[in-house]
N, C-alpha and C. Protein backbone atom coordinates (compact mmCIF):
# COMPACT_ATOMS: atom_id res chain seq x y z
N UNK A 1 2.18 12.05 -0.78
CA UNK A 1 1.34 11.53 -1.78
C UNK A 1 0.29 12.69 -2.17
N UNK A 2 1.51 13.83 -2.09
CA UNK A 2 0.73 15.48 -1.81
C UNK A 2 0.00 15.99 -2.96
N UNK A 3 0.61 14.43 -4.44
CA UNK A 3 -0.33 14.71 -6.23
C UNK A 3 -1.20 13.66 -5.51
N UNK A 4 -1.82 13.11 -4.96
CA UNK A 4 -3.19 12.86 -4.39
C UNK A 4 -4.38 12.32 -5.61
N UNK A 5 -4.27 13.71 -5.59
CA UNK A 5 -5.20 14.25 -6.73
C UNK A 5 -5.49 14.29 -7.72
N UNK A 6 -4.17 13.33 -8.68
CA UNK A 6 -3.98 13.87 -10.16
C UNK A 6 -4.79 12.55 -10.72
N UNK A 7 -5.72 11.03 -10.44
CA UNK A 7 -4.97 10.36 -11.10
C UNK A 7 -6.81 10.90 -11.82
N UNK A 8 -7.16 10.61 -12.79
CA UNK A 8 -8.12 11.02 -14.36
C UNK A 8 -8.46 9.84 -14.45
N UNK A 9 -9.53 9.68 -14.87
CA UNK A 9 -10.70 8.82 -15.31
C UNK A 9 -11.96 8.22 -14.31
N UNK A 10 -12.43 7.18 -14.70
CA UNK A 10 -13.34 5.73 -13.44
C UNK A 10 -12.51 6.19 -12.46
N UNK A 11 -11.30 5.54 -12.85
CA UNK A 11 -10.99 4.90 -11.26
C UNK A 11 -10.00 6.26 -10.68
N UNK A 12 -10.19 7.12 -10.86
CA UNK A 12 -9.05 9.23 -9.72
C UNK A 12 -10.01 8.81 -8.71
N UNK A 13 -11.48 8.49 -8.06
CA UNK A 13 -11.82 9.38 -7.11
C UNK A 13 -11.34 8.14 -6.17
N UNK A 14 -11.42 6.89 -6.55
CA UNK A 14 -11.33 5.42 -5.83
C UNK A 14 -9.48 5.33 -5.37
N UNK A 15 -8.51 6.12 -6.71
CA UNK A 15 -8.13 6.32 -6.09
C UNK A 15 -6.87 7.21 -4.92
N UNK A 16 -7.45 8.31 -4.97
CA UNK A 16 -8.69 8.87 -3.86
C UNK A 16 -8.14 9.17 -2.76
N UNK A 17 -9.76 8.56 -2.54
CA UNK A 17 -9.88 7.81 -1.05
C UNK A 17 -9.51 6.93 -0.57
N UNK A 18 -9.04 5.43 -1.14
CA UNK A 18 -7.44 4.80 -0.50
C UNK A 18 -6.15 6.18 -0.63
N UNK A 19 -5.46 6.41 -1.14
CA UNK A 19 -4.44 7.62 -1.02
C UNK A 19 -4.41 7.52 -0.07
N UNK A 20 -4.69 7.72 1.44
CA UNK A 20 -3.73 8.04 2.30
C UNK A 20 -4.11 7.04 3.24
N UNK A 21 -4.62 6.38 3.21
CA UNK A 21 -4.98 4.92 4.05
C UNK A 21 -3.87 4.36 4.00
N UNK A 22 -3.15 4.00 3.68
CA UNK A 22 -2.10 2.75 3.13
C UNK A 22 -0.93 3.58 4.99
N UNK A 23 -0.28 5.15 4.58
CA UNK A 23 0.49 5.77 5.33
C UNK A 23 -0.61 5.48 6.90
N UNK A 24 -1.23 5.81 7.31
CA UNK A 24 -1.98 5.97 8.20
C UNK A 24 -2.00 4.67 9.37
N UNK A 25 -2.49 3.65 7.97
CA UNK A 25 -2.17 2.19 8.90
C UNK A 25 -1.37 2.08 8.76
N UNK A 26 0.52 2.06 8.48
CA UNK A 26 1.53 2.31 8.84
C UNK A 26 2.00 3.09 10.17
N UNK A 27 1.68 3.68 10.33
CA UNK A 27 1.42 4.79 11.43
C UNK A 27 1.06 3.82 12.99
N UNK A 28 -0.33 3.31 11.72
CA UNK A 28 -1.37 2.59 13.50
C UNK A 28 -0.80 1.41 13.93
N UNK A 29 0.39 1.00 12.20
CA UNK A 29 0.76 -0.07 12.65
C UNK A 29 3.08 -0.28 13.77
N UNK A 30 3.46 1.31 12.64
CA UNK A 30 4.10 0.88 13.77
C UNK A 30 3.86 1.20 15.54
N UNK A 31 2.50 2.33 15.69
CA UNK A 31 2.62 2.55 17.31
C UNK A 31 1.87 1.88 18.19
N UNK A 32 1.44 0.10 17.33
CA UNK A 32 0.50 -0.29 18.09
C UNK A 32 1.58 -1.79 18.22
N UNK A 33 2.39 -1.24 17.24
CA UNK A 33 3.62 -2.87 17.72
C UNK A 33 4.68 -2.59 18.38
N UNK A 34 4.85 -1.34 18.28
CA UNK A 34 6.12 -0.01 18.90
C UNK A 34 7.17 -0.94 17.98
N UNK A 35 6.58 -0.37 17.36
CA UNK A 35 8.76 -0.36 15.82
C UNK A 35 9.77 -0.21 16.33
N UNK A 36 9.44 1.09 17.16
CA UNK A 36 10.62 2.12 17.62
C UNK A 36 11.06 1.77 19.41
N UNK A 37 10.75 1.14 19.83
CA UNK A 37 10.87 0.24 21.57
C UNK A 37 11.59 -0.39 21.41
N UNK A 38 13.13 0.01 21.23
CA UNK A 38 14.69 -1.22 21.21
C UNK A 38 14.43 -2.20 22.87
N UNK A 39 13.81 -1.87 23.65
CA UNK A 39 13.41 -2.83 24.57
C UNK A 39 12.56 -4.03 24.21
N UNK A 40 11.97 -3.89 23.22
CA UNK A 40 11.16 -5.36 22.89
C UNK A 40 11.80 -5.98 22.19
N UNK A 41 11.21 -7.00 21.85
CA UNK A 41 12.38 -8.04 20.54
C UNK A 41 11.73 -7.79 19.39
N UNK A 42 12.48 -8.12 18.42
CA UNK A 42 12.65 -7.65 16.74
C UNK A 42 11.60 -8.26 16.07
N UNK A 43 11.68 -9.69 16.72
CA UNK A 43 11.19 -11.05 16.00
C UNK A 43 9.63 -10.62 15.87
N UNK A 44 8.71 -10.87 14.31
CA UNK A 44 7.36 -10.61 14.62
C UNK A 44 6.69 -12.16 13.94
N UNK A 45 5.63 -12.17 14.79
CA UNK A 45 4.96 -13.87 13.46
C UNK A 45 5.11 -13.27 12.12
N UNK A 46 5.08 -14.21 11.49
CA UNK A 46 5.28 -15.41 10.54
C UNK A 46 3.79 -13.53 9.67
N UNK A 47 2.61 -13.54 10.29
CA UNK A 47 1.92 -12.80 9.66
C UNK A 47 2.13 -11.29 9.49
N UNK A 48 2.28 -11.00 10.74
CA UNK A 48 2.95 -10.02 11.19
C UNK A 48 3.70 -9.10 10.38
N UNK A 49 4.66 -9.77 9.81
CA UNK A 49 5.87 -8.91 9.09
C UNK A 49 5.13 -9.01 7.15
N UNK A 50 3.90 -9.87 7.76
CA UNK A 50 4.09 -10.60 5.94
C UNK A 50 2.86 -8.58 5.77
N UNK A 51 1.85 -8.88 6.82
CA UNK A 51 1.15 -7.84 6.47
C UNK A 51 1.64 -6.35 6.25
N UNK A 52 2.68 -6.14 7.20
CA UNK A 52 3.52 -5.00 6.66
C UNK A 52 4.33 -4.88 5.88
N UNK A 53 4.64 -5.29 5.59
CA UNK A 53 5.44 -5.91 3.98
C UNK A 53 4.57 -5.55 2.64
N UNK A 54 3.27 -5.60 3.15
CA UNK A 54 2.32 -5.49 2.12
C UNK A 54 1.87 -4.28 2.54
N UNK A 55 1.94 -2.94 3.13
CA UNK A 55 1.67 -1.90 3.76
C UNK A 55 3.01 -0.92 2.79
N UNK A 56 3.64 -1.35 3.38
CA UNK A 56 4.87 -0.65 2.78
C UNK A 56 5.16 -1.09 0.49
N UNK A 57 4.21 -2.36 0.27
CA UNK A 57 4.74 -2.66 -1.02
C UNK A 57 2.83 -1.38 -1.62
N UNK A 58 2.51 -0.93 -0.61
CA UNK A 58 1.20 -0.30 -1.62
C UNK A 58 1.45 0.78 -1.15
N UNK A 59 2.51 1.56 -0.22
CA UNK A 59 3.00 2.70 -0.06
C UNK A 59 3.57 3.16 -1.22
N UNK A 60 4.98 2.65 -1.57
CA UNK A 60 5.84 2.00 -3.06
C UNK A 60 5.02 2.10 -3.70
N UNK A 61 4.29 1.29 -3.70
CA UNK A 61 2.80 2.14 -4.87
C UNK A 61 2.20 2.97 -5.34
N UNK A 62 1.64 3.43 -4.50
CA UNK A 62 1.36 5.32 -4.67
C UNK A 62 2.41 6.60 -4.82
N UNK A 63 3.96 6.01 -3.97
CA UNK A 63 4.68 6.96 -4.02
C UNK A 63 4.86 7.00 -5.72
N UNK A 64 5.15 5.66 -6.37
CA UNK A 64 5.39 5.92 -7.71
C UNK A 64 5.11 6.38 -8.65
N UNK A 65 2.67 6.30 -8.58
CA UNK A 65 1.88 7.10 -9.41
C UNK A 65 1.83 9.05 -8.78
N UNK A 66 2.77 9.79 -7.36
CA UNK A 66 1.90 9.92 -6.89
C UNK A 66 3.77 11.20 -7.52
N UNK A 67 4.77 10.26 -8.19
CA UNK A 67 5.34 10.59 -8.83
C UNK A 67 5.07 11.03 -10.55
N UNK A 68 4.23 10.25 -10.55
CA UNK A 68 4.80 10.05 -12.04
C UNK A 68 3.65 9.36 -12.46
N UNK A 69 2.75 9.72 -13.54
CA UNK A 69 1.31 8.74 -14.67
C UNK A 69 1.90 7.86 -14.77
N UNK A 70 3.46 7.46 -15.17
CA UNK A 70 3.79 6.80 -16.21
C UNK A 70 4.03 5.98 -14.94
N UNK A 71 4.45 5.44 -14.38
CA UNK A 71 4.81 4.72 -13.81
C UNK A 71 4.30 4.14 -12.96
N UNK A 72 2.55 4.74 -12.44
CA UNK A 72 1.73 4.27 -11.89
C UNK A 72 0.91 3.22 -13.27
N UNK A 73 0.86 3.57 -14.98
CA UNK A 73 0.17 3.15 -15.63
C UNK A 73 -0.20 1.30 -16.26
N UNK A 74 1.12 0.95 -15.22
CA UNK A 74 1.10 -1.11 -15.67
C UNK A 74 1.23 -1.69 -14.28
N UNK A 75 1.01 -1.28 -13.06
CA UNK A 75 1.15 -1.81 -12.50
C UNK A 75 -0.45 -2.27 -11.31
N UNK A 76 -0.05 -3.65 -10.43
CA UNK A 76 -1.06 -3.71 -9.96
C UNK A 76 -2.42 -2.79 -9.72
N UNK A 77 -1.57 -2.26 -9.11
CA UNK A 77 -2.57 -0.94 -7.96
C UNK A 77 -3.78 -0.70 -9.33
N UNK A 78 -3.04 0.23 -11.06
CA UNK A 78 -3.89 0.65 -10.94
C UNK A 78 -4.46 -0.34 -12.46
N UNK A 79 -3.74 -1.18 -12.50
CA UNK A 79 -5.27 -2.10 -13.26
C UNK A 79 -6.40 -2.98 -12.14
N UNK A 80 -5.55 -2.75 -10.37
CA UNK A 80 -7.53 -2.79 -10.08
C UNK A 80 -8.85 -1.62 -9.86
N UNK A 81 -7.75 -1.04 -9.88
CA UNK A 81 -8.32 0.31 -10.02
C UNK A 81 -8.94 1.00 -11.08
N UNK A 82 -8.82 0.03 -12.18
CA UNK A 82 -9.57 1.53 -13.64
C UNK A 82 -10.45 -0.70 -13.60
N UNK A 83 -10.26 -2.20 -13.26
CA UNK A 83 -10.98 -2.74 -13.51
C UNK A 83 -12.71 -2.49 -13.00
N UNK A 84 -12.58 -2.64 -11.42
CA UNK A 84 -13.13 -1.52 -10.45
C UNK A 84 -12.76 -1.31 -9.40
N UNK A 85 -13.52 0.83 -10.18
CA UNK A 85 -13.75 0.87 -9.25
C UNK A 85 -13.24 1.29 -7.85
N UNK A 86 -15.21 0.77 -7.87
CA UNK A 86 -16.27 0.36 -7.25
C UNK A 86 -15.68 -0.23 -5.45
N UNK A 87 -15.31 -1.21 -6.39
CA UNK A 87 -14.50 -2.68 -5.29
C UNK A 87 -12.98 -1.98 -5.14
N UNK A 88 -12.58 -0.92 -5.14
CA UNK A 88 -11.49 -0.33 -5.47
C UNK A 88 -11.35 -0.27 -3.20
N UNK A 89 -11.19 -0.69 -2.24
CA UNK A 89 -10.36 -0.59 -1.33
C UNK A 89 -9.29 -1.24 -0.65
N UNK A 90 -8.61 -0.58 0.46
CA UNK A 90 -7.34 -0.58 0.97
C UNK A 90 -7.58 -2.34 0.62
N UNK A 91 -8.56 -2.96 2.04
CA UNK A 91 -8.35 -3.95 1.88
C UNK A 91 -7.75 -4.96 -0.01
N UNK A 92 -8.19 -4.09 -1.02
CA UNK A 92 -8.87 -4.83 -2.35
C UNK A 92 -6.92 -5.02 -2.55
N UNK A 93 -6.19 -3.35 -2.37
CA UNK A 93 -5.08 -3.13 -1.76
C UNK A 93 -4.48 -3.83 -1.72
N UNK A 94 -4.53 -4.06 -0.39
CA UNK A 94 -2.72 -4.46 0.07
C UNK A 94 -3.24 -7.13 0.08
N UNK A 95 -4.06 -7.04 -0.31
CA UNK A 95 -4.75 -7.94 -1.35
C UNK A 95 -3.60 -8.49 -2.24
N UNK A 96 -3.18 -7.42 -3.05
CA UNK A 96 -3.65 -7.22 -4.59
C UNK A 96 -1.60 -8.02 -4.91
N UNK A 97 0.25 -7.87 -4.02
CA UNK A 97 1.06 -8.15 -4.11
C UNK A 97 1.15 -9.39 -4.36
N UNK A 98 2.02 -9.98 -5.23
CA UNK A 98 2.77 -11.54 -5.78
C UNK A 98 3.43 -11.78 -4.06
N UNK A 99 2.87 -13.26 -3.38
CA UNK A 99 3.11 -14.09 -2.23
C UNK A 99 4.92 -13.76 -3.07
N UNK A 100 5.75 -13.60 -3.79
CA UNK A 100 7.02 -13.44 -3.96
C UNK A 100 7.26 -11.62 -3.70
N UNK A 101 6.64 -10.86 -4.23
CA UNK A 101 6.81 -9.86 -3.93
C UNK A 101 7.16 -9.70 -2.46
N UNK A 102 6.12 -10.02 -1.34
CA UNK A 102 5.88 -9.77 -0.13
C UNK A 102 7.15 -10.74 0.79
N UNK A 103 7.26 -11.74 0.13
CA UNK A 103 8.44 -12.54 0.93
C UNK A 103 9.31 -11.31 0.65
N UNK A 104 9.86 -11.10 -0.08
CA UNK A 104 11.43 -10.03 -0.63
C UNK A 104 11.10 -9.36 0.28
N UNK A 105 10.43 -8.32 0.63
CA UNK A 105 10.61 -7.89 1.15
C UNK A 105 9.95 -7.85 2.97
N UNK A 106 9.46 -9.23 3.40
CA UNK A 106 9.73 -9.33 4.52
C UNK A 106 10.93 -9.68 5.52
N UNK A 107 11.47 -10.48 4.08
CA UNK A 107 13.14 -11.41 4.67
C UNK A 107 13.77 -10.01 4.95
């Protein structure tokens, strides 16, 4: 997210505010769920898998955005940030991926 400050327009401040939150939440989730502990079972609840998938999708959208503004232009992330910048939060971001995207990542 090194280029997180490059989002122009009215959505820019909201995008910058939320930019590092998916990575922070991913880090917290990995530690809380002890995903690096090989002695724990790999199986997680469906809700945990969906939450993790949504975080990964959000992080991927931001990665595309950081690499090239053109890749960002037509994503649900961009549309939502421009639609209502004041309401753009991490929770709003995590609600954006379609269920089929979440199911595909969680599978």
